[in-house]
Amino acid sequence: MENLVTGHASSHAVANYSDFAHEIRPFGYWQAVLIKWPVGNAHFCKNGKNEGPHRFKDSIFPFGIKWSLYCYTYPMLKKYFPHILLAIYVVEFIIAGVNPFSRTVWYAENLPIVALVAFAVLLYCRGVRFSNTTYLFIFILPFLHTIGGHYTFELVPFDWFNNLFGFERNMFDRVAHFSVGFYALPIIEYLVSRKLVAKKWVAATYSIFALAFVAVFYEWIEWIYAATYGGESGAAFLGSQGDIWDAQKDMLMDVLGATAAVGVYLFANRSKK
């Protein structure tokens, strides 16, 4: 078998993994570590111990990187992945809280997100857990929203994206609204895992409708805030950028995000009953 790093032939070929090696060769040996070798495989890792064939291991890790490193690191990463995401958010929140464009807007933008993150932490502490994929998806909104709270959504440096697609307005808020829809994932996961619905399509439909209601409710909040405080603060929080259909387009992005998230979930679980 050809060495995946050096490209030299190796006499330590293992027939059982020929197809696997062929698949990952174009991407380098790290692809093997991160994608193709799940923890728990009796050929490689079992109970946190390196039980893989040493010759095959050595041919892939010519620089002395031990397979046992992966055996111990991956389970830890998998176990504490939500904690890592929370830590990243906390650090981002602290940094973005320094000299924001408008302190009033910063409070208005961050209070709902802090409440959302706190609620997710509360659920986790009470034993309501979701998949790491779901935690990754729902992390996107707090991450983007915290940036928007620092700059205001209209002024976030997002020219590379706007220019790429030819948008005349700053579309950072639209992307953030799309990520709101990702919260359909924990809803559908909860309904299905707790067997609260008989069919997945019912859970999928409910999660999309739930996010549609959240979208409407948040637009109400923006409207009330803008009408109450007015001025630059109200306009910055509203973030319409002169678009009279901004609220409707924001709600559409929320629903499209939810639909996309549900589609990903149904596709990933299409073989599971």
Protein backbone atom coordinates (compact mmCIF):
# COMPACT_ATOMS: atom_id res chain seq x y z
CA MET A 1 0.00 0.00 0.00
CA GLU A 2 1.23 3.48 -0.81
CA ASN A 3 2.18 5.64 2.15
CA LEU A 4 -0.50 8.32 2.46
CA VAL A 5 1.93 11.07 3.42
CA THR A 6 5.21 10.37 1.68
CA GLY A 7 3.77 8.67 -1.39
CA HIS A 8 6.29 5.80 -1.13
CA ALA A 9 5.24 2.20 -1.37
CA SER A 10 4.82 0.35 1.89
CA SER A 11 5.00 -3.37 2.52
CA HIS A 12 2.64 -3.01 5.46
CA ALA A 13 -0.54 -3.21 3.42
CA VAL A 14 -3.69 -4.43 5.06
CA ALA A 15 -6.14 -5.89 2.60
CA ASN A 16 -9.20 -5.13 4.69
CA TYR A 17 -8.58 -1.41 4.36
CA SER A 18 -7.63 -1.14 0.69
CA ASP A 19 -10.93 0.44 -0.33
CA PHE A 20 -10.79 2.76 2.65
CA ALA A 21 -7.24 3.88 1.82
CA HIS A 22 -8.22 4.45 -1.78
CA GLU A 23 -11.07 6.72 -0.68
CA ILE A 24 -9.06 8.93 1.64
CA ARG A 25 -5.77 9.13 -0.23
CA PRO A 26 -6.66 12.33 -2.14
CA PHE A 27 -7.38 14.16 1.10
CA GLY A 28 -4.32 13.16 3.13
CA TYR A 29 -4.01 10.98 6.19
CA TRP A 30 -5.83 13.37 8.52
CA GLN A 31 -8.99 12.51 6.61
CA ALA A 32 -8.49 8.97 7.83
CA VAL A 33 -8.26 10.13 11.41
CA LEU A 34 -11.19 12.53 11.37
CA ILE A 35 -13.66 10.84 9.06
CA LYS A 36 -13.16 7.17 8.41
CA TRP A 37 -12.12 5.59 11.69
CA PRO A 38 -14.93 5.75 14.23
CA VAL A 39 -14.09 5.14 17.86
CA GLY A 40 -15.22 1.76 19.02
CA ASN A 41 -14.10 -0.13 15.93
CA ALA A 42 -12.59 -3.33 17.24
CA HIS A 43 -9.84 -3.20 14.63
CA PHE A 44 -8.51 0.10 15.90
CA CYS A 45 -9.90 1.45 19.16
CA LYS A 46 -11.69 -0.35 21.93
CA ASN A 47 -12.33 1.04 25.38
CA GLY A 48 -9.86 3.84 24.76
CA LYS A 49 -7.01 1.47 23.94
CA ASN A 50 -4.97 1.19 20.78
CA GLU A 51 -5.64 -2.29 19.46
CA GLY A 52 -5.03 -1.60 15.79
CA PRO A 53 -2.45 -3.35 13.60
CA HIS A 54 0.80 -1.54 14.36
CA ARG A 55 2.29 -2.00 10.94
CA PHE A 56 -0.67 -0.36 9.25
CA LYS A 57 -0.63 2.37 11.84
CA ASP A 58 3.06 3.06 11.32
CA SER A 59 2.69 3.25 7.56
CA ILE A 60 0.08 5.98 7.97
CA PHE A 61 1.84 7.87 10.76
CA PRO A 62 5.49 7.99 9.62
CA PHE A 63 6.28 10.88 11.95
CA GLY A 64 5.63 8.92 15.13
CA ILE A 65 2.08 10.15 15.66
CA LYS A 66 0.44 7.40 17.67
CA TRP A 67 -2.98 6.04 16.90
CA SER A 68 -3.62 5.97 20.63
CA LEU A 69 -3.62 9.78 20.56
CA TYR A 70 -6.73 9.66 18.43
CA CYS A 71 -8.25 6.91 20.54
CA TYR A 72 -8.08 9.10 23.60
CA THR A 73 -8.61 12.54 22.02
CA TYR A 74 -11.67 11.86 19.89
CA PRO A 75 -13.89 10.52 22.71
CA MET A 76 -12.96 13.53 24.84
CA LEU A 77 -13.76 15.91 21.99
CA LYS A 78 -17.04 14.14 21.34
CA LYS A 79 -18.00 14.21 25.02
CA TYR A 80 -17.13 17.84 25.66
CA PHE A 81 -18.03 19.30 22.26
CA PRO A 82 -21.00 21.33 23.64
CA HIS A 83 -18.75 22.67 26.40
CA ILE A 84 -16.18 23.78 23.82
CA LEU A 85 -18.82 25.61 21.80
CA LEU A 86 -20.09 27.32 24.96
CA ALA A 87 -16.56 28.40 25.85
CA ILE A 88 -16.07 29.85 22.36
CA TYR A 89 -19.31 31.79 22.69
CA VAL A 90 -18.37 33.18 26.12
CA VAL A 91 -14.99 34.36 24.82
CA GLU A 92 -16.62 35.91 21.76
CA PHE A 93 -19.26 37.59 23.93
CA ILE A 94 -16.61 39.18 26.15
CA ILE A 95 -14.50 40.39 23.21
CA ALA A 96 -17.50 41.72 21.27
CA GLY A 97 -18.70 43.54 24.35
CA VAL A 98 -15.68 45.85 24.25
CA ASN A 99 -16.47 49.19 22.57
CA PRO A 100 -19.49 48.16 20.48
CA PHE A 101 -20.88 50.60 17.90
CA SER A 102 -23.86 51.30 20.14
CA ARG A 103 -24.12 50.06 23.71
CA THR A 104 -27.91 50.35 23.59
CA VAL A 105 -28.10 48.20 20.46
CA TRP A 106 -25.57 45.79 21.97
CA TYR A 107 -27.89 45.20 24.94
CA ALA A 108 -30.94 44.81 22.72
CA GLU A 109 -29.24 42.35 20.37
CA ASN A 110 -27.52 40.26 23.03
CA LEU A 111 -30.17 39.89 25.72
CA PRO A 112 -32.34 37.47 23.67
CA ILE A 113 -29.28 35.45 22.64
CA VAL A 114 -27.93 35.23 26.18
CA ALA A 115 -31.35 34.01 27.30
CA LEU A 116 -31.35 31.45 24.48
CA VAL A 117 -27.89 30.15 25.38
CA ALA A 118 -28.82 30.04 29.07
CA PHE A 119 -31.91 28.01 28.22
CA ALA A 120 -29.83 25.56 26.19
CA VAL A 121 -27.41 25.21 29.12
CA LEU A 122 -30.32 24.66 31.50
CA LEU A 123 -31.70 21.90 29.29
CA TYR A 124 -28.27 20.28 29.14
CA CYS A 125 -27.91 20.37 32.92
CA ARG A 126 -31.36 18.82 33.32
CA GLY A 127 -30.43 15.94 31.04
CA VAL A 128 -32.01 17.11 27.80
CA ARG A 129 -29.17 16.49 25.39
CA PHE A 130 -28.95 16.79 21.63
CA SER A 131 -26.53 15.46 19.07
CA ASN A 132 -23.22 17.24 18.56
CA THR A 133 -24.34 18.03 15.01
CA THR A 134 -27.35 19.87 16.40
CA TYR A 135 -25.20 21.76 18.91
CA LEU A 136 -22.93 22.83 16.08
CA PHE A 137 -25.85 24.11 14.01
CA ILE A 138 -27.51 26.01 16.85
CA PHE A 139 -24.15 27.54 17.80
CA ILE A 140 -24.11 29.46 14.50
CA LEU A 141 -26.86 31.91 15.50
CA PRO A 142 -25.28 33.09 18.80
CA PHE A 143 -21.93 33.36 17.02
CA LEU A 144 -23.32 35.53 14.20
CA HIS A 145 -25.70 37.50 16.41
CA THR A 146 -22.92 38.47 18.80
CA ILE A 147 -20.95 39.89 15.89
CA GLY A 148 -24.06 41.76 14.72
CA GLY A 149 -24.53 43.16 18.22
CA HIS A 150 -21.00 44.57 18.17
CA TYR A 151 -21.15 46.29 14.79
CA THR A 152 -24.95 46.46 14.27
CA PHE A 153 -26.11 44.14 11.51
CA GLU A 154 -26.05 46.87 8.88
CA LEU A 155 -22.38 47.70 9.49
CA VAL A 156 -20.85 44.22 9.89
CA PRO A 157 -17.86 43.90 7.50
CA PHE A 158 -19.47 41.50 5.04
CA ASP A 159 -18.44 42.98 1.70
CA TRP A 160 -16.81 39.77 0.50
CA PHE A 161 -20.17 37.98 0.63
CA ASN A 162 -22.21 40.88 -0.71
CA ASN A 163 -19.82 41.43 -3.61
CA LEU A 164 -19.63 37.73 -4.37
CA PHE A 165 -23.37 37.53 -5.01
CA GLY A 166 -23.85 41.09 -6.19
CA PHE A 167 -25.99 42.29 -3.29
CA GLU A 168 -26.37 46.04 -2.85
CA ARG A 169 -27.34 45.84 0.83
CA ASN A 170 -25.50 44.13 3.68
CA MET A 171 -26.89 40.60 3.78
CA PHE A 172 -25.34 39.61 7.11
CA ASP A 173 -28.74 39.89 8.80
CA ARG A 174 -30.32 37.59 6.19
CA VAL A 175 -27.65 34.95 6.82
CA ALA A 176 -28.21 35.27 10.56
CA HIS A 177 -31.97 34.87 10.07
CA PHE A 178 -31.35 31.75 8.00
CA SER A 179 -29.40 30.31 10.94
CA VAL A 180 -32.41 30.95 13.20
CA GLY A 181 -34.10 28.14 11.30
CA PHE A 182 -31.46 25.68 12.48
CA TYR A 183 -33.28 25.60 15.82
CA ALA A 184 -35.75 23.29 14.14
CA LEU A 185 -33.14 20.57 14.69
CA PRO A 186 -33.37 20.38 18.51
CA ILE A 187 -37.15 20.52 18.27
CA ILE A 188 -37.41 17.60 15.87
CA GLU A 189 -34.74 15.65 17.74
CA TYR A 190 -36.59 16.11 21.01
CA LEU A 191 -39.95 15.09 19.58
CA VAL A 192 -38.57 12.00 17.88
CA SER A 193 -36.26 10.86 20.70
CA ARG A 194 -39.01 11.21 23.32
CA LYS A 195 -41.49 9.52 20.94
CA LEU A 196 -43.94 12.38 21.33
CA VAL A 197 -45.08 11.96 17.74
CA ALA A 198 -45.89 8.84 15.76
CA LYS A 199 -44.38 9.98 12.47
CA LYS A 200 -41.23 11.94 11.66
CA TRP A 201 -43.05 14.09 9.14
CA VAL A 202 -45.29 15.34 11.95
CA ALA A 203 -42.23 16.36 13.98
CA ALA A 204 -40.71 17.95 10.88
CA THR A 205 -43.84 19.96 10.13
CA TYR A 206 -44.24 21.04 13.75
CA SER A 207 -40.62 22.22 14.01
CA ILE A 208 -40.97 24.35 10.87
CA PHE A 209 -44.23 25.89 12.11
CA ALA A 210 -42.65 26.52 15.52
CA LEU A 211 -39.77 28.41 13.91
CA ALA A 212 -42.22 30.35 11.76
CA PHE A 213 -43.95 31.53 14.94
CA VAL A 214 -40.59 32.48 16.48
CA ALA A 215 -39.81 34.48 13.33
CA VAL A 216 -43.06 36.42 13.60
CA PHE A 217 -42.61 36.97 17.33
CA TYR A 218 -39.08 38.37 16.89
CA GLU A 219 -40.27 40.77 14.20
CA TRP A 220 -42.84 42.01 16.71
CA ILE A 221 -40.02 42.62 19.19
CA GLU A 222 -38.06 44.60 16.59
CA TRP A 223 -41.15 46.64 15.72
CA ILE A 224 -41.95 47.44 19.38
CA TYR A 225 -38.33 48.38 20.12
CA ALA A 226 -38.05 50.63 17.07
CA ALA A 227 -41.40 52.29 17.78
CA THR A 228 -40.52 52.81 21.46
CA TYR A 229 -36.96 54.10 21.24
CA GLY A 230 -36.86 55.44 17.68
CA GLY A 231 -33.86 57.37 16.39
CA GLU A 232 -30.60 55.75 15.37
CA SER A 233 -30.89 53.06 18.04
CA GLY A 234 -34.29 51.93 16.81
CA ALA A 235 -33.22 52.00 13.17
CA ALA A 236 -30.02 50.06 13.92
CA PHE A 237 -31.91 47.38 15.85
CA LEU A 238 -34.56 47.12 13.13
CA GLY A 239 -31.85 46.83 10.48
CA SER A 240 -34.20 47.22 7.53
CA GLN A 241 -31.65 49.24 5.53
CA GLY A 242 -34.45 51.00 3.67
CA ASP A 243 -36.18 47.78 2.57
CA ILE A 244 -39.93 48.08 3.20
CA TRP A 245 -40.27 44.29 2.95
CA ASP A 246 -37.41 43.59 5.36
CA ALA A 247 -39.61 41.93 8.01
CA GLN A 248 -41.22 39.60 5.48
CA LYS A 249 -37.87 38.65 3.96
CA ASP A 250 -36.40 38.00 7.41
CA MET A 251 -39.27 35.68 8.26
CA LEU A 252 -38.84 33.92 4.93
CA MET A 253 -35.15 33.30 5.69
CA ASP A 254 -36.07 31.89 9.11
CA VAL A 255 -38.51 29.43 7.53
CA LEU A 256 -36.08 28.50 4.75
CA GLY A 257 -33.41 27.80 7.36
CA ALA A 258 -35.83 25.60 9.29
CA THR A 259 -36.81 23.75 6.13
CA ALA A 260 -33.16 23.18 5.23
CA ALA A 261 -32.38 21.93 8.76
CA VAL A 262 -35.34 19.53 8.71
CA GLY A 263 -34.27 18.32 5.29
CA VAL A 264 -30.77 17.57 6.59
CA TYR A 265 -32.21 15.71 9.57
CA LEU A 266 -34.60 13.60 7.49
CA PHE A 267 -31.88 12.78 4.97
CA ALA A 268 -29.38 11.80 7.69
CA ASN A 269 -31.98 9.62 9.40
CA ARG A 270 -33.73 8.29 6.31
CA SER A 271 -32.84 4.66 7.12
CA LYS A 272 -33.89 4.88 10.77
CA LYS A 273 -37.43 4.02 11.76
